Amino acid sequence: MPVAGDLLKSWSIRPGYCFRMVYGKLLQADHCRQPVEWKGIWKDAKGRSHYVETCREHAPKSRVG
């Protein structure tokens, strides 16, 4: 059972918001509320590239762009 603050395995691109989805207090998912600090290319598990915006905490470890 997830707890508030856990990451979802899925993600969503929404300009101006971190692309990572996290569980809230009611266990409903929403975009991470931290300010966007990195913009660039992120590769998903299937190797496809996506332009994303993310907070510092969720920035990819191996940054492409």
PDB file of N, CA and C in Angstrom:
ATOM      1  N   MET A   1       0.848  -1.178   0.000  1.00  0.00           N
ATOM      2  CA  MET A   1       0.000   0.000   0.000  1.00  0.00           C
ATOM      3  C   MET A   1       0.897   1.246   0.000  1.00  0.00           C
ATOM      4  N   PRO A   2       0.686   2.146  -0.953  1.00  0.00           N
ATOM      5  CA  PRO A   2       1.503   3.366  -0.995  1.00  0.00           C
ATOM      6  C   PRO A   2       1.164   4.311   0.157  1.00  0.00           C
ATOM      7  N   VAL A   3       2.097   5.194   0.441  1.00  0.00           N
ATOM      8  CA  VAL A   3       1.881   6.245   1.434  1.00  0.00           C
ATOM      9  C   VAL A   3       2.087   7.593   0.759  1.00  0.00           C
ATOM     10  N   ALA A   4       1.583   8.640   1.385  1.00  0.00           N
ATOM     11  CA  ALA A   4       1.726   9.986   0.825  1.00  0.00           C
ATOM     12  C   ALA A   4       3.198  10.291   0.569  1.00  0.00           C
ATOM     13  N   GLY A   5       3.500  10.819  -0.622  1.00  0.00           N
ATOM     14  CA  GLY A   5       4.866  11.152  -1.001  1.00  0.00           C
ATOM     15  C   GLY A   5       5.537  10.098  -1.861  1.00  0.00           C
ATOM     16  N   ASP A   6       4.955   8.893  -1.944  1.00  0.00           N
ATOM     17  CA  ASP A   6       5.515   7.849  -2.810  1.00  0.00           C
ATOM     18  C   ASP A   6       5.336   8.219  -4.271  1.00  0.00           C
ATOM     19  N   LEU A   7       6.316   7.859  -5.092  1.00  0.00           N
ATOM     20  CA  LEU A   7       6.229   8.076  -6.542  1.00  0.00           C
ATOM     21  C   LEU A   7       5.346   7.020  -7.197  1.00  0.00           C
ATOM     22  N   LEU A   8       4.616   7.429  -8.223  1.00  0.00           N
ATOM     23  CA  LEU A   8       3.903   6.476  -9.057  1.00  0.00           C
ATOM     24  C   LEU A   8       4.873   5.946 -10.097  1.00  0.00           C
ATOM     25  N   LYS A   9       4.608   4.779 -10.623  1.00  0.00           N
ATOM     26  CA  LYS A   9       5.440   4.258 -11.706  1.00  0.00           C
ATOM     27  C   LYS A   9       5.157   5.013 -12.994  1.00  0.00           C
ATOM     28  N   SER A  10       3.974   5.603 -13.101  1.00  0.00           N
ATOM     29  CA  SER A  10       3.629   6.377 -14.293  1.00  0.00           C
ATOM     30  C   SER A  10       4.054   7.833 -14.098  1.00  0.00           C
ATOM     31  N   TRP A  11       4.026   8.589 -15.162  1.00  0.00           N
ATOM     32  CA  TRP A  11       4.390   9.995 -15.137  1.00  0.00           C
ATOM     33  C   TRP A  11       3.593  10.715 -16.204  1.00  0.00           C
ATOM     34  N   SER A  12       3.599  12.038 -16.172  1.00  0.00           N
ATOM     35  CA  SER A  12       2.820  12.829 -17.117  1.00  0.00           C
ATOM     36  C   SER A  12       3.541  14.153 -17.372  1.00  0.00           C
ATOM     37  N   ILE A  13       3.530  14.583 -18.609  1.00  0.00           N
ATOM     38  CA  ILE A  13       4.168  15.852 -18.952  1.00  0.00           C
ATOM     39  C   ILE A  13       3.129  16.963 -18.915  1.00  0.00           C
ATOM     40  N   ARG A  14       3.416  17.990 -18.109  1.00  0.00           N
ATOM     41  CA  ARG A  14       2.551  19.163 -17.992  1.00  0.00           C
ATOM     42  C   ARG A  14       3.465  20.374 -17.840  1.00  0.00           C
ATOM     43  N   PRO A  15       3.482  21.266 -18.828  1.00  0.00           N
ATOM     44  CA  PRO A  15       4.386  22.420 -18.771  1.00  0.00           C
ATOM     45  C   PRO A  15       4.275  23.188 -17.458  1.00  0.00           C
ATOM     46  N   GLY A  16       5.429  23.521 -16.882  1.00  0.00           N
ATOM     47  CA  GLY A  16       5.460  24.280 -15.641  1.00  0.00           C
ATOM     48  C   GLY A  16       5.404  23.440 -14.385  1.00  0.00           C
ATOM     49  N   TYR A  17       5.290  22.114 -14.524  1.00  0.00           N
ATOM     50  CA  TYR A  17       5.207  21.204 -13.380  1.00  0.00           C
ATOM     51  C   TYR A  17       6.226  20.083 -13.535  1.00  0.00           C
ATOM     52  N   CYS A  18       6.682  19.570 -12.414  1.00  0.00           N
ATOM     53  CA  CYS A  18       7.546  18.391 -12.434  1.00  0.00           C
ATOM     54  C   CYS A  18       6.762  17.245 -13.072  1.00  0.00           C
ATOM     55  N   PHE A  19       7.420  16.475 -13.947  1.00  0.00           N
ATOM     56  CA  PHE A  19       6.724  15.403 -14.663  1.00  0.00           C
ATOM     57  C   PHE A  19       6.436  14.190 -13.777  1.00  0.00           C
ATOM     58  N   ARG A  20       7.063  14.099 -12.621  1.00  0.00           N
ATOM     59  CA  ARG A  20       6.840  12.964 -11.724  1.00  0.00           C
ATOM     60  C   ARG A  20       5.502  13.100 -11.004  1.00  0.00           C
ATOM     61  N   MET A  21       4.833  11.993 -10.849  1.00  0.00           N
ATOM     62  CA  MET A  21       3.555  11.948 -10.153  1.00  0.00           C
ATOM     63  C   MET A  21       3.780  11.331  -8.772  1.00  0.00           C
ATOM     64  N   VAL A  22       3.208  11.954  -7.728  1.00  0.00           N
ATOM     65  CA  VAL A  22       3.353  11.453  -6.367  1.00  0.00           C
ATOM     66  C   VAL A  22       1.972  11.309  -5.729  1.00  0.00           C
ATOM     67  N   TYR A  23       1.895  10.405  -4.759  1.00  0.00           N
ATOM     68  CA  TYR A  23       0.656  10.218  -4.012  1.00  0.00           C
ATOM     69  C   TYR A  23       0.492  11.333  -2.992  1.00  0.00           C
ATOM     70  N   GLY A  24      -0.737  11.839  -2.875  1.00  0.00           N
ATOM     71  CA  GLY A  24      -1.065  12.841  -1.869  1.00  0.00           C
ATOM     72  C   GLY A  24      -1.608  12.184  -0.611  1.00  0.00           C
ATOM     73  N   LYS A  25      -2.072  12.986   0.338  1.00  0.00           N
ATOM     74  CA  LYS A  25      -2.595  12.466   1.610  1.00  0.00           C
ATOM     75  C   LYS A  25      -3.780  11.526   1.416  1.00  0.00           C
ATOM     76  N   LEU A  26      -4.593  11.772   0.382  1.00  0.00           N
ATOM     77  CA  LEU A  26      -5.760  10.919   0.125  1.00  0.00           C
ATOM     78  C   LEU A  26      -5.431   9.804  -0.866  1.00  0.00           C
ATOM     79  N   LEU A  27      -4.123   9.589  -1.102  1.00  0.00           N
ATOM     80  CA  LEU A  27      -3.615   8.579  -2.029  1.00  0.00           C
ATOM     81  C   LEU A  27      -4.116   8.777  -3.452  1.00  0.00           C
ATOM     82  N   GLN A  28      -4.306  10.036  -3.821  1.00  0.00           N
ATOM     83  CA  GLN A  28      -4.607  10.381  -5.203  1.00  0.00           C
ATOM     84  C   GLN A  28      -3.345  11.007  -5.794  1.00  0.00           C
ATOM     85  N   ALA A  29      -3.043  10.651  -7.017  1.00  0.00           N
ATOM     86  CA  ALA A  29      -1.802  11.105  -7.647  1.00  0.00           C
ATOM     87  C   ALA A  29      -1.943  12.504  -8.241  1.00  0.00           C
ATOM     88  N   ASP A  30      -0.870  13.264  -8.127  1.00  0.00           N
ATOM     89  CA  ASP A  30      -0.790  14.576  -8.751  1.00  0.00           C
ATOM     90  C   ASP A  30       0.681  14.857  -9.034  1.00  0.00           C
ATOM     91  N   HIS A  31       0.939  15.890  -9.833  1.00  0.00           N
ATOM     92  CA  HIS A  31       2.318  16.269 -10.122  1.00  0.00           C
ATOM     93  C   HIS A  31       3.018  16.700  -8.838  1.00  0.00           C
ATOM     94  N   CYS A  32       4.308  16.429  -8.767  1.00  0.00           N
ATOM     95  CA  CYS A  32       5.128  16.896  -7.654  1.00  0.00           C
ATOM     96  C   CYS A  32       4.994  18.417  -7.584  1.00  0.00           C
ATOM     97  N   ARG A  33       4.845  18.961  -6.388  1.00  0.00           N
ATOM     98  CA  ARG A  33       4.602  20.398  -6.198  1.00  0.00           C
ATOM     99  C   ARG A  33       5.876  21.231  -6.073  1.00  0.00           C
ATOM    100  N   GLN A  34       7.047  20.600  -6.122  1.00  0.00           N
ATOM    101  CA  GLN A  34       8.298  21.348  -6.008  1.00  0.00           C
ATOM    102  C   GLN A  34       8.510  22.198  -7.267  1.00  0.00           C
ATOM    103  N   PRO A  35       9.204  23.333  -7.145  1.00  0.00           N
ATOM    104  CA  PRO A  35       9.427  24.188  -8.319  1.00  0.00           C
ATOM    105  C   PRO A  35      10.320  23.498  -9.359  1.00  0.00           C
ATOM    106  N   VAL A  36      10.041  23.791 -10.615  1.00  0.00           N
ATOM    107  CA  VAL A  36      10.826  23.240 -11.723  1.00  0.00           C
ATOM    108  C   VAL A  36      12.217  23.862 -11.700  1.00  0.00           C
ATOM    109  N   GLU A  37      13.245  23.008 -11.704  1.00  0.00           N
ATOM    110  CA  GLU A  37      14.626  23.494 -11.692  1.00  0.00           C
ATOM    111  C   GLU A  37      15.454  22.902 -12.814  1.00  0.00           C
ATOM    112  N   TRP A  38      14.925  21.956 -13.550  1.00  0.00           N
ATOM    113  CA  TRP A  38      15.670  21.336 -14.643  1.00  0.00           C
ATOM    114  C   TRP A  38      14.722  21.057 -15.799  1.00  0.00           C
ATOM    115  N   LYS A  39      15.187  21.350 -17.008  1.00  0.00           N
ATOM    116  CA  LYS A  39      14.431  21.060 -18.227  1.00  0.00           C
ATOM    117  C   LYS A  39      15.374  20.354 -19.176  1.00  0.00           C
ATOM    118  N   GLY A  40      14.910  19.297 -19.793  1.00  0.00           N
ATOM    119  CA  GLY A  40      15.779  18.586 -20.715  1.00  0.00           C
ATOM    120  C   GLY A  40      15.154  17.306 -21.239  1.00  0.00           C
ATOM    121  N   ILE A  41      15.982  16.473 -21.823  1.00  0.00           N
ATOM    122  CA  ILE A  41      15.544  15.224 -22.420  1.00  0.00           C
ATOM    123  C   ILE A  41      15.716  14.090 -21.410  1.00  0.00           C
ATOM    124  N   TRP A  42      14.687  13.290 -21.250  1.00  0.00           N
ATOM    125  CA  TRP A  42      14.691  12.145 -20.337  1.00  0.00           C
ATOM    126  C   TRP A  42      14.308  10.912 -21.134  1.00  0.00           C
ATOM    127  N   LYS A  43      15.026   9.821 -20.938  1.00  0.00           N
ATOM    128  CA  LYS A  43      14.713   8.568 -21.623  1.00  0.00           C
ATOM    129  C   LYS A  43      13.937   7.657 -20.688  1.00  0.00           C
ATOM    130  N   ASP A  44      12.797   7.149 -21.176  1.00  0.00           N
ATOM    131  CA  ASP A  44      11.992   6.240 -20.369  1.00  0.00           C
ATOM    132  C   ASP A  44      12.581   4.832 -20.407  1.00  0.00           C
ATOM    133  N   ALA A  45      11.927   3.899 -19.733  1.00  0.00           N
ATOM    134  CA  ALA A  45      12.420   2.524 -19.632  1.00  0.00           C
ATOM    135  C   ALA A  45      12.506   1.831 -20.993  1.00  0.00           C
ATOM    136  N   LYS A  46      11.715   2.291 -21.946  1.00  0.00           N
ATOM    137  CA  LYS A  46      11.730   1.693 -23.286  1.00  0.00           C
ATOM    138  C   LYS A  46      12.735   2.377 -24.212  1.00  0.00           C
ATOM    139  N   GLY A  47      13.463   3.363 -23.696  1.00  0.00           N
ATOM    140  CA  GLY A  47      14.484   4.046 -24.484  1.00  0.00           C
ATOM    141  C   GLY A  47      13.979   5.209 -25.316  1.00  0.00           C
ATOM    142  N   ARG A  48      12.716   5.572 -25.156  1.00  0.00           N
ATOM    143  CA  ARG A  48      12.171   6.713 -25.892  1.00  0.00           C
ATOM    144  C   ARG A  48      12.534   8.009 -25.182  1.00  0.00           C
ATOM    145  N   SER A  49      12.847   9.042 -25.941  1.00  0.00           N
ATOM    146  CA  SER A  49      13.228  10.333 -25.379  1.00  0.00           C
ATOM    147  C   SER A  49      12.020  11.254 -25.260  1.00  0.00           C
ATOM    148  N   HIS A  50      11.973  12.005 -24.158  1.00  0.00           N
ATOM    149  CA  HIS A  50      10.882  12.945 -23.896  1.00  0.00           C
ATOM    150  C   HIS A  50      11.476  14.234 -23.344  1.00  0.00           C
ATOM    151  N   TYR A  51      10.938  15.386 -23.764  1.00  0.00           N
ATOM    152  CA  TYR A  51      11.318  16.664 -23.166  1.00  0.00           C
ATOM    153  C   TYR A  51      10.501  16.815 -21.890  1.00  0.00           C
ATOM    154  N   VAL A  52      11.171  16.987 -20.758  1.00  0.00           N
ATOM    155  CA  VAL A  52      10.475  17.084 -19.480  1.00  0.00           C
ATOM    156  C   VAL A  52      10.970  18.278 -18.683  1.00  0.00           C
ATOM    157  N   GLU A  53      10.164  18.665 -17.721  1.00  0.00           N
ATOM    158  CA  GLU A  53      10.533  19.666 -16.732  1.00  0.00           C
ATOM    159  C   GLU A  53      10.415  18.969 -15.388  1.00  0.00           C
ATOM    160  N   THR A  54      11.381  19.206 -14.502  1.00  0.00           N
ATOM    161  CA  THR A  54      11.370  18.482 -13.235  1.00  0.00           C
ATOM    162  C   THR A  54      11.981  19.300 -12.107  1.00  0.00           C
ATOM    163  N   CYS A  55      11.653  18.915 -10.883  1.00  0.00           N
ATOM    164  CA  CYS A  55      12.263  19.538  -9.712  1.00  0.00           C
ATOM    165  C   CYS A  55      13.654  18.935  -9.515  1.00  0.00           C
ATOM    166  N   ARG A  56      14.425  19.518  -8.637  1.00  0.00           N
ATOM    167  CA  ARG A  56      15.794  19.047  -8.385  1.00  0.00           C
ATOM    168  C   ARG A  56      15.801  17.591  -7.909  1.00  0.00           C
ATOM    169  N   GLU A  57      14.901  17.237  -7.020  1.00  0.00           N
ATOM    170  CA  GLU A  57      14.863  15.888  -6.451  1.00  0.00           C
ATOM    171  C   GLU A  57      14.582  14.809  -7.497  1.00  0.00           C
ATOM    172  N   HIS A  58      13.747  15.106  -8.473  1.00  0.00           N
ATOM    173  CA  HIS A  58      13.345  14.105  -9.464  1.00  0.00           C
ATOM    174  C   HIS A  58      14.085  14.212 -10.797  1.00  0.00           C
ATOM    175  N   ALA A  59      15.102  15.069 -10.861  1.00  0.00           N
ATOM    176  CA  ALA A  59      15.891  15.197 -12.086  1.00  0.00           C
ATOM    177  C   ALA A  59      16.575  13.867 -12.402  1.00  0.00           C
ATOM    178  N   PRO A  60      16.656  13.490 -13.665  1.00  0.00           N
ATOM    179  CA  PRO A  60      17.305  12.229 -14.029  1.00  0.00           C
ATOM    180  C   PRO A  60      18.761  12.199 -13.559  1.00  0.00           C
ATOM    181  N   LYS A  61      19.201  11.027 -13.138  1.00  0.00           N
ATOM    182  CA  LYS A  61      20.596  10.870 -12.692  1.00  0.00           C
ATOM    183  C   LYS A  61      21.552  11.042 -13.872  1.00  0.00           C
ATOM    184  N   SER A  62      21.193  10.438 -15.020  1.00  0.00           N
ATOM    185  CA  SER A  62      22.015  10.594 -16.228  1.00  0.00           C
ATOM    186  C   SER A  62      21.270  11.538 -17.170  1.00  0.00           C
ATOM    187  N   ARG A  63      21.669  12.773 -17.141  1.00  0.00           N
ATOM    188  CA  ARG A  63      20.985  13.813 -17.921  1.00  0.00           C
ATOM    189  C   ARG A  63      21.473  13.802 -19.361  1.00  0.00           C
ATOM    190  N   VAL A  64      20.507  13.803 -20.260  1.00  0.00           N
ATOM    191  CA  VAL A  64      20.823  13.802 -21.695  1.00  0.00           C
ATOM    192  C   VAL A  64      20.860  15.221 -22.215  1.00  0.00           C
ATOM    193  N   GLY A  65      19.927  16.068 -21.774  1.00  0.00           N
ATOM    194  CA  GLY A  65      19.841  17.420 -22.307  1.00  0.00           C
ATOM    195  C   GLY A  65      19.864  18.462 -21.243  1.00  0.00           C
TER     196      GLY A  65
END
